Amino acid sequence: MKRIVLKKEFKDDHITRAAGERLRHAILAITNAGDKIEIDFDGLKIASTSFLDEGFAKLADEGWTFDKLASFVTLKNIYPMDKEILDDLFSRRASRSSKKRR
């Protein structure tokens, strides 16, 4: 299992869409290689819909489901509010993506 510590890897920016996009590309590179990933939020409150949408929710646009996210990505030390925001954003994108595929 690969590990990304957000406070270390994204120390200069963990709120923007650009940083979220970098995270999503890292997730895809790792999971496409067949590995799982742990993302450690230790010491950070993100509370940024831009970062969470770009980093995680946009995976739904690529066909990811909650089940796939849960099987490949472990979220460690995530603040409950950040998890709620992430779940809401992912759910909305997954719903829109499934309607587009019909």
C-alpha atoms as a PDB file:
ATOM      1  CA  MET A   1       0.000   0.000   0.000  1.00  0.00           C
ATOM      2  CA  LYS A   2       1.287   3.444  -0.966  1.00  0.00           C
ATOM      3  CA  ARG A   3       0.853   6.376   1.390  1.00  0.00           C
ATOM      4  CA  ILE A   4       0.382  10.093   0.903  1.00  0.00           C
ATOM      5  CA  VAL A   5       0.663  12.368   3.930  1.00  0.00           C
ATOM      6  CA  LEU A   6      -1.145  15.514   2.825  1.00  0.00           C
ATOM      7  CA  LYS A   7       0.614  17.785   5.305  1.00  0.00           C
ATOM      8  CA  LYS A   8       3.951  16.716   3.801  1.00  0.00           C
ATOM      9  CA  GLU A   9       3.161  16.194   0.120  1.00  0.00           C
ATOM     10  CA  PHE A  10       0.787  19.176  -0.165  1.00  0.00           C
ATOM     11  CA  LYS A  11       2.276  21.431   2.507  1.00  0.00           C
ATOM     12  CA  ASP A  12       2.126  24.552   0.344  1.00  0.00           C
ATOM     13  CA  ASP A  13      -1.369  23.990  -1.032  1.00  0.00           C
ATOM     14  CA  HIS A  14      -4.101  21.652   0.122  1.00  0.00           C
ATOM     15  CA  ILE A  15      -7.152  23.735  -0.755  1.00  0.00           C
ATOM     16  CA  THR A  16      -7.102  24.597  -4.461  1.00  0.00           C
ATOM     17  CA  ARG A  17      -8.423  22.741  -7.500  1.00  0.00           C
ATOM     18  CA  ALA A  18      -4.873  22.538  -8.851  1.00  0.00           C
ATOM     19  CA  ALA A  19      -3.699  20.709  -5.730  1.00  0.00           C
ATOM     20  CA  GLY A  20      -6.765  18.457  -5.835  1.00  0.00           C
ATOM     21  CA  GLU A  21      -6.021  17.610  -9.449  1.00  0.00           C
ATOM     22  CA  ARG A  22      -2.449  16.645  -8.504  1.00  0.00           C
ATOM     23  CA  LEU A  23      -3.855  14.388  -5.786  1.00  0.00           C
ATOM     24  CA  ARG A  24      -6.356  12.757  -8.168  1.00  0.00           C
ATOM     25  CA  HIS A  25      -3.612  12.056 -10.703  1.00  0.00           C
ATOM     26  CA  ALA A  26      -1.503  10.483  -7.937  1.00  0.00           C
ATOM     27  CA  ILE A  27      -4.457   8.326  -6.843  1.00  0.00           C
ATOM     28  CA  LEU A  28      -5.073   7.192 -10.417  1.00  0.00           C
ATOM     29  CA  ALA A  29      -1.400   6.437 -11.073  1.00  0.00           C
ATOM     30  CA  ILE A  30      -1.151   4.318  -7.937  1.00  0.00           C
ATOM     31  CA  THR A  31      -4.454   2.481  -8.354  1.00  0.00           C
ATOM     32  CA  ASN A  32      -3.962   1.924 -12.095  1.00  0.00           C
ATOM     33  CA  ALA A  33      -0.736   0.147 -11.157  1.00  0.00           C
ATOM     34  CA  GLY A  34      -2.847  -2.174  -8.992  1.00  0.00           C
ATOM     35  CA  ASP A  35      -1.833  -0.710  -5.627  1.00  0.00           C
ATOM     36  CA  LYS A  36      -4.000   0.636  -2.858  1.00  0.00           C
ATOM     37  CA  ILE A  37      -3.380   4.003  -1.250  1.00  0.00           C
ATOM     38  CA  GLU A  38      -3.703   5.505   2.199  1.00  0.00           C
ATOM     39  CA  ILE A  39      -4.211   9.247   2.358  1.00  0.00           C
ATOM     40  CA  ASP A  40      -3.353  10.716   5.740  1.00  0.00           C
ATOM     41  CA  PHE A  41      -5.039  13.997   6.664  1.00  0.00           C
ATOM     42  CA  ASP A  42      -3.236  14.190  10.026  1.00  0.00           C
ATOM     43  CA  GLY A  43      -3.152  17.736  11.372  1.00  0.00           C
ATOM     44  CA  LEU A  44      -5.202  19.203   8.522  1.00  0.00           C
ATOM     45  CA  LYS A  45      -8.721  20.485   8.222  1.00  0.00           C
ATOM     46  CA  ILE A  46      -9.346  20.853   4.524  1.00  0.00           C
ATOM     47  CA  ALA A  47     -12.913  22.215   4.410  1.00  0.00           C
ATOM     48  CA  SER A  48     -12.305  23.139   0.791  1.00  0.00           C
ATOM     49  CA  THR A  49     -14.857  21.896  -1.679  1.00  0.00           C
ATOM     50  CA  SER A  50     -12.446  22.747  -4.508  1.00  0.00           C
ATOM     51  CA  PHE A  51      -9.689  20.411  -3.277  1.00  0.00           C
ATOM     52  CA  LEU A  52     -12.020  17.585  -2.256  1.00  0.00           C
ATOM     53  CA  ASP A  53     -14.077  17.792  -5.444  1.00  0.00           C
ATOM     54  CA  GLU A  54     -11.062  17.821  -7.720  1.00  0.00           C
ATOM     55  CA  GLY A  55      -9.081  15.272  -5.713  1.00  0.00           C
ATOM     56  CA  PHE A  56     -11.760  12.714  -4.948  1.00  0.00           C
ATOM     57  CA  ALA A  57     -15.211  13.455  -6.352  1.00  0.00           C
ATOM     58  CA  LYS A  58     -13.986  13.739  -9.929  1.00  0.00           C
ATOM     59  CA  LEU A  59     -13.015  10.073  -9.699  1.00  0.00           C
ATOM     60  CA  ALA A  60     -16.765   9.433 -10.106  1.00  0.00           C
ATOM     61  CA  ASP A  61     -16.545  11.094 -13.533  1.00  0.00           C
ATOM     62  CA  GLU A  62     -14.107   8.330 -14.425  1.00  0.00           C
ATOM     63  CA  GLY A  63     -16.546   5.606 -13.388  1.00  0.00           C
ATOM     64  CA  TRP A  64     -15.470   5.175  -9.787  1.00  0.00           C
ATOM     65  CA  THR A  65     -18.135   4.166  -7.263  1.00  0.00           C
ATOM     66  CA  PHE A  66     -18.148   4.538  -3.478  1.00  0.00           C
ATOM     67  CA  ASP A  67     -17.263   0.837  -3.294  1.00  0.00           C
ATOM     68  CA  LYS A  68     -14.242   1.257  -5.563  1.00  0.00           C
ATOM     69  CA  LEU A  69     -13.121   4.319  -3.628  1.00  0.00           C
ATOM     70  CA  ALA A  70     -13.426   2.415  -0.339  1.00  0.00           C
ATOM     71  CA  SER A  71     -11.551  -0.604  -1.689  1.00  0.00           C
ATOM     72  CA  PHE A  72      -8.606   1.304  -3.115  1.00  0.00           C
ATOM     73  CA  VAL A  73      -8.351   4.441  -0.964  1.00  0.00           C
ATOM     74  CA  THR A  74      -8.080   4.563   2.826  1.00  0.00           C
ATOM     75  CA  LEU A  75      -8.702   7.963   4.386  1.00  0.00           C
ATOM     76  CA  LYS A  76      -6.811   8.268   7.648  1.00  0.00           C
ATOM     77  CA  ASN A  77      -7.257  11.007  10.261  1.00  0.00           C
ATOM     78  CA  ILE A  78      -9.850  12.845   8.179  1.00  0.00           C
ATOM     79  CA  TYR A  79     -11.953  15.359  10.097  1.00  0.00           C
ATOM     80  CA  PRO A  80     -15.642  14.378  10.178  1.00  0.00           C
ATOM     81  CA  MET A  81     -16.720  17.597   8.405  1.00  0.00           C
ATOM     82  CA  ASP A  82     -14.219  16.976   5.600  1.00  0.00           C
ATOM     83  CA  LYS A  83     -15.524  13.412   5.239  1.00  0.00           C
ATOM     84  CA  GLU A  84     -19.105  14.710   5.032  1.00  0.00           C
ATOM     85  CA  ILE A  85     -18.118  17.220   2.344  1.00  0.00           C
ATOM     86  CA  LEU A  86     -16.193  14.574   0.394  1.00  0.00           C
ATOM     87  CA  ASP A  87     -19.090  12.076   0.578  1.00  0.00           C
ATOM     88  CA  ASP A  88     -21.597  14.704  -0.546  1.00  0.00           C
ATOM     89  CA  LEU A  89     -19.453  15.853  -3.478  1.00  0.00           C
ATOM     90  CA  PHE A  90     -18.696  12.285  -4.563  1.00  0.00           C
ATOM     91  CA  SER A  91     -22.357  11.320  -4.342  1.00  0.00           C
ATOM     92  CA  ARG A  92     -23.410  14.283  -6.494  1.00  0.00           C
ATOM     93  CA  ARG A  93     -20.800  13.576  -9.149  1.00  0.00           C
ATOM     94  CA  ALA A  94     -21.568   9.846  -9.151  1.00  0.00           C
ATOM     95  CA  SER A  95     -25.257  10.623  -9.637  1.00  0.00           C
ATOM     96  CA  ARG A  96     -24.556  12.996 -12.538  1.00  0.00           C
ATOM     97  CA  SER A  97     -22.083  10.579 -14.125  1.00  0.00           C
ATOM     98  CA  SER A  98     -24.522   7.661 -14.003  1.00  0.00           C
ATOM     99  CA  LYS A  99     -27.235   9.797 -15.649  1.00  0.00           C
ATOM    100  CA  LYS A 100     -24.822  10.748 -18.458  1.00  0.00           C
ATOM    101  CA  ARG A 101     -24.020   7.080 -19.138  1.00  0.00           C
ATOM    102  CA  ARG A 102     -27.693   6.144 -19.630  1.00  0.00           C
END
